[in-house]
Amino acid sequence: DVTATDAAVEEAPTTTVDPNVPDLANRGLHPPLLANDGWLQSDITSLEELEGKVVAVQFWTFGCHNCTATMPHMRALYDKYDREDFEIVGIHAAEFEFEKDPEAISEAAADQGVTWPILLDTDKKSFRSWQDRRFWPRLYLLDRDGHIRYDKIGEGRYDEIDAAVGALISETSA
């Protein structure tokens, strides 16, 4: 005998939602990138040029152990998702004087396998304007329309970040 409760359970739809996907509430349009010292590894000059793509914006500096620890995951994301749909922008906001040298940044990027565009934020103008509480590393995910949909401080939660990128790529532009 099948009870009414058993029948309801059998007919319940199966969900395919990834349990790793975090809250992706719209936190508003990203702040502008303020005066900077140029870009490495890219011809882009603004985030607006990447509209239509999901963009991971990571504030980092090459001397930061925690930042370095995130790079294998960032490389995995960069390799996994198609450049048509996804881009990473590293905003290098130097903490110490030795981290301000563009040649040292380029060498560190090569050593750490950073192949995506890097904005040189030597005076930390964008670093300060984007963050009330300032941290390295800090990762923001922007949707295709440039809205902040995810904000992560520090290391870890790599499965969650990956799931969030996948979910944002799956969304259609509004």
N, C-alpha and C. Protein backbone atom coordinates (compact mmCIF):
# COMPACT_ATOMS: atom_id res chain seq x y z
N ASP A 1 0.82 -1.19 0.00
CA ASP A 1 0.00 0.00 0.00
C ASP A 1 0.87 1.26 0.00
N VAL A 2 0.49 2.18 -0.83
CA VAL A 2 1.18 3.46 -0.88
C VAL A 2 0.29 4.50 -0.23
N THR A 3 0.81 5.18 0.77
CA THR A 3 0.02 6.22 1.44
C THR A 3 0.09 7.49 0.61
N ALA A 4 -0.77 8.44 0.96
CA ALA A 4 -0.79 9.73 0.26
C ALA A 4 0.56 10.43 0.43
N THR A 5 1.17 10.30 1.60
CA THR A 5 2.47 10.93 1.85
C THR A 5 3.54 10.31 0.95
N ASP A 6 3.54 8.98 0.84
CA ASP A 6 4.51 8.30 -0.01
C ASP A 6 4.34 8.72 -1.47
N ALA A 7 3.12 8.85 -1.92
CA ALA A 7 2.85 9.25 -3.30
C ALA A 7 3.36 10.67 -3.56
N ALA A 8 3.17 11.56 -2.58
CA ALA A 8 3.63 12.93 -2.73
C ALA A 8 5.15 12.97 -2.83
N VAL A 9 5.83 12.14 -2.04
CA VAL A 9 7.29 12.10 -2.09
C VAL A 9 7.75 11.58 -3.44
N GLU A 10 7.08 10.54 -3.95
CA GLU A 10 7.47 9.98 -5.24
C GLU A 10 7.29 10.98 -6.37
N GLU A 11 6.31 11.88 -6.26
CA GLU A 11 6.02 12.84 -7.32
C GLU A 11 6.78 14.15 -7.16
N ALA A 12 7.46 14.32 -6.03
CA ALA A 12 8.18 15.58 -5.79
C ALA A 12 9.29 15.73 -6.84
N PRO A 13 9.41 16.91 -7.41
CA PRO A 13 10.44 17.10 -8.43
C PRO A 13 11.84 17.04 -7.80
N THR A 14 12.77 16.54 -8.58
CA THR A 14 14.15 16.51 -8.09
C THR A 14 14.78 17.85 -8.39
N THR A 15 15.58 18.32 -7.46
CA THR A 15 16.24 19.60 -7.64
C THR A 15 17.64 19.38 -8.19
N THR A 16 18.08 20.27 -9.06
CA THR A 16 19.43 20.18 -9.59
C THR A 16 20.26 21.37 -9.14
N VAL A 17 19.80 22.09 -8.16
CA VAL A 17 20.52 23.26 -7.67
C VAL A 17 21.78 22.80 -6.94
N ASP A 18 22.90 23.38 -7.28
CA ASP A 18 24.17 23.04 -6.64
C ASP A 18 24.14 23.57 -5.21
N PRO A 19 24.30 22.69 -4.22
CA PRO A 19 24.27 23.15 -2.82
C PRO A 19 25.44 24.05 -2.48
N ASN A 20 26.46 24.10 -3.32
CA ASN A 20 27.61 24.98 -3.06
C ASN A 20 27.36 26.43 -3.46
N VAL A 21 26.30 26.69 -4.25
CA VAL A 21 26.07 28.05 -4.72
C VAL A 21 25.65 28.93 -3.54
N PRO A 22 26.42 29.99 -3.29
CA PRO A 22 26.08 30.89 -2.18
C PRO A 22 24.98 31.87 -2.59
N ASP A 23 24.61 32.72 -1.66
CA ASP A 23 23.67 33.80 -1.96
C ASP A 23 24.32 34.72 -2.99
N LEU A 24 23.65 34.91 -4.09
CA LEU A 24 24.17 35.76 -5.16
C LEU A 24 23.31 37.01 -5.34
N ALA A 25 22.88 37.57 -4.20
CA ALA A 25 22.05 38.77 -4.25
C ALA A 25 22.79 39.90 -4.95
N ASN A 26 22.04 40.74 -5.63
CA ASN A 26 22.61 41.88 -6.33
C ASN A 26 23.01 42.94 -5.31
N ARG A 27 24.29 43.23 -5.24
CA ARG A 27 24.82 44.22 -4.30
C ARG A 27 25.08 45.57 -4.96
N GLY A 28 24.60 45.71 -6.19
CA GLY A 28 24.74 46.98 -6.91
C GLY A 28 25.92 46.98 -7.86
N LEU A 29 25.95 48.00 -8.68
CA LEU A 29 26.99 48.16 -9.68
C LEU A 29 28.35 48.32 -9.00
N HIS A 30 29.37 47.71 -9.59
CA HIS A 30 30.72 47.81 -9.02
C HIS A 30 31.19 49.25 -9.02
N PRO A 31 32.04 49.61 -8.05
CA PRO A 31 32.63 50.95 -8.05
C PRO A 31 33.56 51.10 -9.26
N PRO A 32 33.87 52.32 -9.63
CA PRO A 32 34.81 52.50 -10.75
C PRO A 32 36.23 52.13 -10.31
N LEU A 33 37.06 51.84 -11.30
CA LEU A 33 38.48 51.69 -11.02
C LEU A 33 39.08 53.09 -11.08
N LEU A 34 39.70 53.51 -10.01
CA LEU A 34 40.22 54.86 -9.92
C LEU A 34 41.60 54.96 -10.56
N ALA A 35 42.14 56.17 -10.59
CA ALA A 35 43.44 56.41 -11.21
C ALA A 35 44.41 55.30 -10.82
N ASN A 36 45.08 54.78 -11.82
CA ASN A 36 45.98 53.67 -11.58
C ASN A 36 47.26 53.87 -12.39
N ASP A 37 48.15 52.90 -12.29
CA ASP A 37 49.44 52.99 -12.97
C ASP A 37 49.51 52.10 -14.20
N GLY A 38 48.35 51.77 -14.76
CA GLY A 38 48.32 51.00 -15.98
C GLY A 38 47.98 49.54 -15.75
N TRP A 39 48.08 48.79 -16.84
CA TRP A 39 47.71 47.38 -16.85
C TRP A 39 48.89 46.54 -17.32
N LEU A 40 48.94 45.32 -16.82
CA LEU A 40 49.88 44.32 -17.31
C LEU A 40 49.07 43.21 -17.94
N GLN A 41 49.64 42.59 -18.97
CA GLN A 41 49.05 41.39 -19.58
C GLN A 41 47.69 41.62 -20.21
N SER A 42 47.40 42.87 -20.65
CA SER A 42 46.07 43.14 -21.19
C SER A 42 46.05 44.42 -22.00
N ASP A 43 45.09 44.46 -22.91
CA ASP A 43 44.83 45.68 -23.66
C ASP A 43 43.63 46.43 -23.10
N ILE A 44 42.92 45.82 -22.13
CA ILE A 44 41.74 46.49 -21.60
C ILE A 44 42.16 47.67 -20.72
N THR A 45 41.24 48.62 -20.57
CA THR A 45 41.53 49.79 -19.74
C THR A 45 40.44 50.04 -18.71
N SER A 46 39.38 49.19 -18.71
CA SER A 46 38.30 49.38 -17.75
C SER A 46 37.49 48.09 -17.62
N LEU A 47 36.75 48.00 -16.53
CA LEU A 47 35.86 46.85 -16.35
C LEU A 47 34.68 46.91 -17.31
N GLU A 48 34.32 48.11 -17.73
CA GLU A 48 33.19 48.26 -18.65
C GLU A 48 33.45 47.54 -19.97
N GLU A 49 34.70 47.41 -20.34
CA GLU A 49 35.05 46.69 -21.56
C GLU A 49 34.74 45.20 -21.45
N LEU A 50 34.53 44.73 -20.23
CA LEU A 50 34.25 43.31 -20.00
C LEU A 50 32.77 43.04 -19.78
N GLU A 51 31.92 44.08 -19.92
CA GLU A 51 30.49 43.88 -19.75
C GLU A 51 30.02 42.79 -20.70
N GLY A 52 29.14 41.95 -20.20
CA GLY A 52 28.67 40.80 -20.96
C GLY A 52 29.36 39.52 -20.51
N LYS A 53 30.41 39.66 -19.70
CA LYS A 53 31.11 38.51 -19.13
C LYS A 53 30.93 38.52 -17.61
N VAL A 54 31.04 37.36 -17.02
CA VAL A 54 31.16 37.27 -15.57
C VAL A 54 32.63 37.57 -15.27
N VAL A 55 32.87 38.45 -14.30
CA VAL A 55 34.24 38.87 -14.01
C VAL A 55 34.55 38.63 -12.53
N ALA A 56 35.67 37.96 -12.29
CA ALA A 56 36.21 37.82 -10.94
C ALA A 56 37.23 38.94 -10.77
N VAL A 57 36.99 39.81 -9.79
CA VAL A 57 37.92 40.89 -9.48
C VAL A 57 38.59 40.52 -8.17
N GLN A 58 39.91 40.30 -8.24
CA GLN A 58 40.64 39.91 -7.03
C GLN A 58 41.66 40.97 -6.67
N PHE A 59 41.52 41.51 -5.45
CA PHE A 59 42.53 42.40 -4.90
C PHE A 59 43.60 41.52 -4.27
N TRP A 60 44.86 41.74 -4.67
CA TRP A 60 45.96 40.92 -4.20
C TRP A 60 47.25 41.71 -4.24
N THR A 61 48.26 41.15 -3.65
CA THR A 61 49.61 41.66 -3.77
C THR A 61 50.56 40.47 -3.69
N PHE A 62 51.63 40.51 -4.47
CA PHE A 62 52.43 39.30 -4.64
C PHE A 62 53.18 38.86 -3.39
N GLY A 63 53.39 39.75 -2.44
CA GLY A 63 54.09 39.37 -1.21
C GLY A 63 53.19 38.77 -0.15
N CYS A 64 51.91 38.72 -0.40
CA CYS A 64 50.92 38.23 0.57
C CYS A 64 50.80 36.71 0.45
N HIS A 65 51.13 36.01 1.54
CA HIS A 65 51.04 34.54 1.55
C HIS A 65 49.61 34.08 1.25
N ASN A 66 48.62 34.72 1.86
CA ASN A 66 47.23 34.33 1.63
C ASN A 66 46.82 34.52 0.18
N CYS A 67 47.30 35.60 -0.44
CA CYS A 67 47.00 35.84 -1.86
C CYS A 67 47.61 34.73 -2.71
N THR A 68 48.86 34.41 -2.44
CA THR A 68 49.57 33.37 -3.19
C THR A 68 48.83 32.03 -3.06
N ALA A 69 48.30 31.76 -1.88
CA ALA A 69 47.59 30.49 -1.65
C ALA A 69 46.32 30.38 -2.49
N THR A 70 45.73 31.50 -2.91
CA THR A 70 44.51 31.45 -3.72
C THR A 70 44.79 31.21 -5.21
N MET A 71 46.02 31.41 -5.63
CA MET A 71 46.33 31.39 -7.06
C MET A 71 46.07 30.05 -7.75
N PRO A 72 46.36 28.90 -7.12
CA PRO A 72 46.02 27.64 -7.83
C PRO A 72 44.52 27.55 -8.14
N HIS A 73 43.68 28.01 -7.23
CA HIS A 73 42.24 27.99 -7.49
C HIS A 73 41.87 28.98 -8.59
N MET A 74 42.44 30.18 -8.54
CA MET A 74 42.14 31.17 -9.57
C MET A 74 42.57 30.65 -10.94
N ARG A 75 43.74 29.99 -11.02
CA ARG A 75 44.18 29.40 -12.29
C ARG A 75 43.20 28.33 -12.76
N ALA A 76 42.71 27.52 -11.82
CA ALA A 76 41.75 26.46 -12.18
C ALA A 76 40.46 27.07 -12.73
N LEU A 77 39.98 28.15 -12.12
CA LEU A 77 38.79 28.84 -12.64
C LEU A 77 39.06 29.37 -14.05
N TYR A 78 40.22 29.98 -14.22
CA TYR A 78 40.56 30.58 -15.50
C TYR A 78 40.64 29.53 -16.60
N ASP A 79 41.14 28.35 -16.23
CA ASP A 79 41.24 27.26 -17.20
C ASP A 79 39.88 26.61 -17.47
N LYS A 80 39.02 26.58 -16.47
CA LYS A 80 37.74 25.88 -16.58
C LYS A 80 36.72 26.63 -17.43
N TYR A 81 36.63 27.95 -17.24
CA TYR A 81 35.58 28.72 -17.88
C TYR A 81 36.09 29.44 -19.11
N ASP A 82 35.27 29.45 -20.13
CA ASP A 82 35.57 30.02 -21.44
C ASP A 82 35.74 31.54 -21.35
N ARG A 83 36.77 32.07 -22.02
CA ARG A 83 37.01 33.53 -22.03
C ARG A 83 35.84 34.32 -22.62
N GLU A 84 34.98 33.66 -23.40
CA GLU A 84 33.81 34.35 -23.95
C GLU A 84 32.85 34.75 -22.82
N ASP A 85 32.83 33.93 -21.76
CA ASP A 85 31.87 34.12 -20.67
C ASP A 85 32.50 34.62 -19.37
N PHE A 86 33.81 34.47 -19.21
CA PHE A 86 34.44 34.69 -17.90
C PHE A 86 35.81 35.33 -18.06
N GLU A 87 36.11 36.24 -17.17
CA GLU A 87 37.43 36.86 -17.12
C GLU A 87 37.79 37.12 -15.66
N ILE A 88 39.08 37.09 -15.39
CA ILE A 88 39.59 37.49 -14.08
C ILE A 88 40.35 38.78 -14.28
N VAL A 89 40.20 39.70 -13.33
CA VAL A 89 41.01 40.91 -13.29
C VAL A 89 41.66 40.94 -11.91
N GLY A 90 42.98 40.89 -11.91
CA GLY A 90 43.73 41.01 -10.66
C GLY A 90 44.07 42.46 -10.44
N ILE A 91 43.68 42.98 -9.30
CA ILE A 91 44.04 44.36 -8.97
C ILE A 91 45.17 44.28 -7.95
N HIS A 92 46.37 44.58 -8.42
CA HIS A 92 47.56 44.47 -7.57
C HIS A 92 47.71 45.76 -6.77
N ALA A 93 47.37 45.67 -5.49
CA ALA A 93 47.43 46.81 -4.57
C ALA A 93 48.57 46.54 -3.59
N ALA A 94 49.73 47.09 -3.89
CA ALA A 94 50.94 46.82 -3.12
C ALA A 94 50.78 47.22 -1.65
N GLU A 95 51.21 46.32 -0.78
CA GLU A 95 51.22 46.63 0.65
C GLU A 95 52.55 47.26 1.06
N PHE A 96 53.64 46.78 0.48
CA PHE A 96 54.98 47.25 0.84
C PHE A 96 55.66 47.87 -0.38
N GLU A 97 56.66 48.68 -0.13
CA GLU A 97 57.36 49.41 -1.18
C GLU A 97 57.91 48.47 -2.27
N PHE A 98 58.50 47.33 -1.87
CA PHE A 98 59.10 46.42 -2.85
C PHE A 98 58.06 45.80 -3.79
N GLU A 99 56.78 45.86 -3.43
CA GLU A 99 55.71 45.30 -4.26
C GLU A 99 55.18 46.29 -5.30
N LYS A 100 55.75 47.48 -5.35
CA LYS A 100 55.27 48.51 -6.27
C LYS A 100 55.96 48.48 -7.64
N ASP A 101 57.03 47.76 -7.77
CA ASP A 101 57.81 47.72 -9.00
C ASP A 101 57.09 46.85 -10.05
N PRO A 102 56.68 47.44 -11.19
CA PRO A 102 55.98 46.67 -12.22
C PRO A 102 56.75 45.44 -12.71
N GLU A 103 58.08 45.55 -12.79
CA GLU A 103 58.88 44.39 -13.22
C GLU A 103 58.78 43.27 -12.18
N ALA A 104 58.83 43.60 -10.91
CA ALA A 104 58.70 42.60 -9.84
C ALA A 104 57.30 41.98 -9.86
N ILE A 105 56.29 42.80 -10.16
CA ILE A 105 54.92 42.28 -10.25
C ILE A 105 54.81 41.30 -11.41
N SER A 106 55.38 41.66 -12.56
CA SER A 106 55.37 40.77 -13.73
C SER A 106 56.08 39.45 -13.43
N GLU A 107 57.23 39.53 -12.76
CA GLU A 107 57.97 38.31 -12.41
C GLU A 107 57.15 37.44 -11.45
N ALA A 108 56.55 38.08 -10.44
CA ALA A 108 55.74 37.33 -9.47
C ALA A 108 54.53 36.71 -10.16
N ALA A 109 53.91 37.45 -11.07
CA ALA A 109 52.76 36.91 -11.80
C ALA A 109 53.17 35.67 -12.59
N ALA A 110 54.32 35.73 -13.25
CA ALA A 110 54.81 34.57 -14.00
C ALA A 110 55.08 33.40 -13.05
N ASP A 111 55.72 33.68 -11.92
CA ASP A 111 56.04 32.63 -10.94
C ASP A 111 54.77 31.99 -10.38
N GLN A 112 53.71 32.79 -10.20
CA GLN A 112 52.47 32.30 -9.60
C GLN A 112 51.46 31.81 -10.65
N GLY A 113 51.82 31.89 -11.92
CA GLY A 113 50.92 31.42 -12.97
C GLY A 113 49.74 32.34 -13.23
N VAL A 114 49.91 33.61 -12.92
CA VAL A 114 48.85 34.60 -13.16
C VAL A 114 48.98 35.06 -14.61
N THR A 115 47.99 34.69 -15.42
CA THR A 115 48.03 35.02 -16.85
C THR A 115 46.92 35.97 -17.26
N TRP A 116 46.08 36.38 -16.33
CA TRP A 116 44.96 37.26 -16.63
C TRP A 116 45.38 38.71 -16.47
N PRO A 117 44.53 39.66 -16.89
CA PRO A 117 44.85 41.08 -16.78
C PRO A 117 45.11 41.50 -15.33
N ILE A 118 46.12 42.37 -15.16
CA ILE A 118 46.47 42.90 -13.85
C ILE A 118 46.43 44.42 -13.92
N LEU A 119 45.64 45.02 -13.05
CA LEU A 119 45.62 46.47 -12.90
C LEU A 119 46.62 46.84 -11.81
N LEU A 120 47.47 47.81 -12.09
CA LEU A 120 48.44 48.28 -11.11
C LEU A 120 47.81 49.39 -10.28
N ASP A 121 47.49 49.08 -9.04
CA ASP A 121 46.84 50.02 -8.12
C ASP A 121 47.85 50.41 -7.03
N THR A 122 48.97 50.98 -7.47
CA THR A 122 50.11 51.25 -6.60
C THR A 122 49.74 52.10 -5.39
N ASP A 123 48.92 53.09 -5.57
CA ASP A 123 48.53 53.97 -4.45
C ASP A 123 47.27 53.49 -3.74
N LYS A 124 46.80 52.32 -4.10
CA LYS A 124 45.64 51.66 -3.47
C LYS A 124 44.36 52.52 -3.53
N LYS A 125 44.20 53.30 -4.58
CA LYS A 125 42.99 54.11 -4.70
C LYS A 125 41.75 53.24 -4.93
N SER A 126 41.83 52.28 -5.85
CA SER A 126 40.70 51.37 -6.07
C SER A 126 40.53 50.44 -4.87
N PHE A 127 41.64 49.98 -4.32
CA PHE A 127 41.62 49.11 -3.14
C PHE A 127 40.79 49.76 -2.03
N ARG A 128 41.01 51.05 -1.81
CA ARG A 128 40.29 51.76 -0.74
C ARG A 128 38.85 52.09 -1.13
N SER A 129 38.62 52.41 -2.40
CA SER A 129 37.26 52.80 -2.79
C SER A 129 36.31 51.61 -2.86
N TRP A 130 36.81 50.43 -3.12
CA TRP A 130 35.96 49.25 -3.22
C TRP A 130 35.65 48.64 -1.85
N GLN A 131 36.50 48.89 -0.86
CA GLN A 131 36.41 48.17 0.41
C GLN A 131 36.29 49.11 1.61
N ASP A 132 35.24 48.92 2.39
CA ASP A 132 35.15 49.63 3.67
C ASP A 132 36.17 49.05 4.64
N ARG A 133 36.16 47.74 4.75
CA ARG A 133 37.16 47.01 5.52
C ARG A 133 38.12 46.43 4.50
N ARG A 134 39.39 46.75 4.60
CA ARG A 134 40.34 46.44 3.54
C ARG A 134 41.12 45.17 3.82
N PHE A 135 41.09 44.26 2.85
CA PHE A 135 41.75 42.96 2.99
C PHE A 135 42.43 42.55 1.70
N TRP A 136 43.49 41.76 1.85
CA TRP A 136 44.11 40.99 0.78
C TRP A 136 44.01 39.54 1.20
N PRO A 137 43.72 38.63 0.39
CA PRO A 137 43.03 38.81 -0.88
C PRO A 137 41.55 39.06 -0.64
N ARG A 138 40.93 39.69 -1.60
CA ARG A 138 39.49 39.89 -1.58
C ARG A 138 38.99 39.66 -3.00
N LEU A 139 37.93 38.87 -3.09
CA LEU A 139 37.40 38.49 -4.39
C LEU A 139 35.96 38.96 -4.51
N TYR A 140 35.69 39.64 -5.60
CA TYR A 140 34.32 40.02 -5.96
C TYR A 140 33.98 39.31 -7.27
N LEU A 141 32.75 38.83 -7.36
CA LEU A 141 32.26 38.31 -8.64
C LEU A 141 31.23 39.29 -9.17
N LEU A 142 31.43 39.69 -10.41
CA LEU A 142 30.52 40.61 -11.09
C LEU A 142 29.71 39.83 -12.10
N ASP A 143 28.41 40.12 -12.17
CA ASP A 143 27.59 39.47 -13.19
C ASP A 143 27.83 40.12 -14.54
N ARG A 144 27.14 39.66 -15.56
CA ARG A 144 27.34 40.14 -16.92
C ARG A 144 27.02 41.64 -17.08
N ASP A 145 26.26 42.19 -16.15
CA ASP A 145 25.90 43.60 -16.20
C ASP A 145 26.78 44.47 -15.30
N GLY A 146 27.80 43.86 -14.67
CA GLY A 146 28.73 44.63 -13.84
C GLY A 146 28.27 44.83 -12.40
N HIS A 147 27.29 44.06 -11.97
CA HIS A 147 26.82 44.16 -10.58
C HIS A 147 27.58 43.17 -9.70
N ILE A 148 27.93 43.62 -8.51
CA ILE A 148 28.60 42.74 -7.55
C ILE A 148 27.58 41.74 -7.04
N ARG A 149 27.91 40.46 -7.18
CA ARG A 149 26.99 39.41 -6.75
C ARG A 149 27.61 38.50 -5.69
N TYR A 150 28.90 38.66 -5.44
CA TYR A 150 29.58 37.80 -4.47
C TYR A 150 30.79 38.57 -3.96
N ASP A 151 31.06 38.42 -2.66
CA ASP A 151 32.17 39.13 -2.01
C ASP A 151 32.81 38.15 -1.03
N LYS A 152 34.08 37.84 -1.23
CA LYS A 152 34.77 36.86 -0.39
C LYS A 152 36.10 37.43 0.07
N ILE A 153 36.31 37.40 1.38
CA ILE A 153 37.56 37.85 1.98
C ILE A 153 38.39 36.62 2.32
N GLY A 154 39.67 36.65 1.99
CA GLY A 154 40.60 35.61 2.40
C GLY A 154 40.59 34.38 1.51
N GLU A 155 41.18 33.32 2.06
CA GLU A 155 41.32 32.05 1.35
C GLU A 155 40.09 31.18 1.56
N GLY A 156 40.05 30.08 0.81
CA GLY A 156 39.06 29.03 1.03
C GLY A 156 37.76 29.23 0.28
N ARG A 157 36.83 28.31 0.56
CA ARG A 157 35.52 28.25 -0.09
C ARG A 157 35.64 28.15 -1.60
N TYR A 158 36.62 27.41 -2.07
CA TYR A 158 36.88 27.34 -3.50
C TYR A 158 35.75 26.66 -4.26
N ASP A 159 35.14 25.63 -3.68
CA ASP A 159 33.99 24.98 -4.34
C ASP A 159 32.83 25.96 -4.46
N GLU A 160 32.64 26.77 -3.43
CA GLU A 160 31.57 27.78 -3.44
C GLU A 160 31.82 28.82 -4.52
N ILE A 161 33.06 29.28 -4.63
CA ILE A 161 33.41 30.28 -5.65
C ILE A 161 33.18 29.70 -7.05
N ASP A 162 33.64 28.49 -7.26
CA ASP A 162 33.46 27.83 -8.55
C ASP A 162 31.97 27.71 -8.88
N ALA A 163 31.18 27.27 -7.90
CA ALA A 163 29.73 27.13 -8.11
C ALA A 163 29.09 28.49 -8.41
N ALA A 164 29.55 29.53 -7.74
CA ALA A 164 29.00 30.87 -7.97
C ALA A 164 29.31 31.35 -9.37
N VAL A 165 30.55 31.13 -9.84
CA VAL A 165 30.92 31.51 -11.20
C VAL A 165 30.04 30.77 -12.19
N GLY A 166 29.89 29.47 -11.99
CA GLY A 166 29.04 28.68 -12.89
C GLY A 166 27.60 29.15 -12.91
N ALA A 167 27.07 29.48 -11.74
CA ALA A 167 25.69 29.96 -11.66
C ALA A 167 25.54 31.31 -12.36
N LEU A 168 26.50 32.20 -12.18
CA LEU A 168 26.42 33.52 -12.82
C LEU A 168 26.57 33.40 -14.34
N ILE A 169 27.41 32.50 -14.80
CA ILE A 169 27.55 32.28 -16.24
C ILE A 169 26.24 31.75 -16.82
N SER A 170 25.55 30.90 -16.05
CA SER A 170 24.29 30.31 -16.51
C SER A 170 23.16 31.32 -16.61
N GLU A 171 23.26 32.40 -15.84
CA GLU A 171 22.22 33.43 -15.90
C GLU A 171 22.27 34.16 -17.25
N THR A 172 21.12 34.58 -17.70
CA THR A 172 21.11 35.40 -18.92
C THR A 172 21.15 36.86 -18.50
N SER A 173 21.70 37.67 -19.34
CA SER A 173 21.81 39.10 -19.07
C SER A 173 20.42 39.72 -19.03
N ALA A 174 20.22 40.61 -18.06
CA ALA A 174 18.90 41.25 -17.88
C ALA A 174 18.61 42.24 -18.98
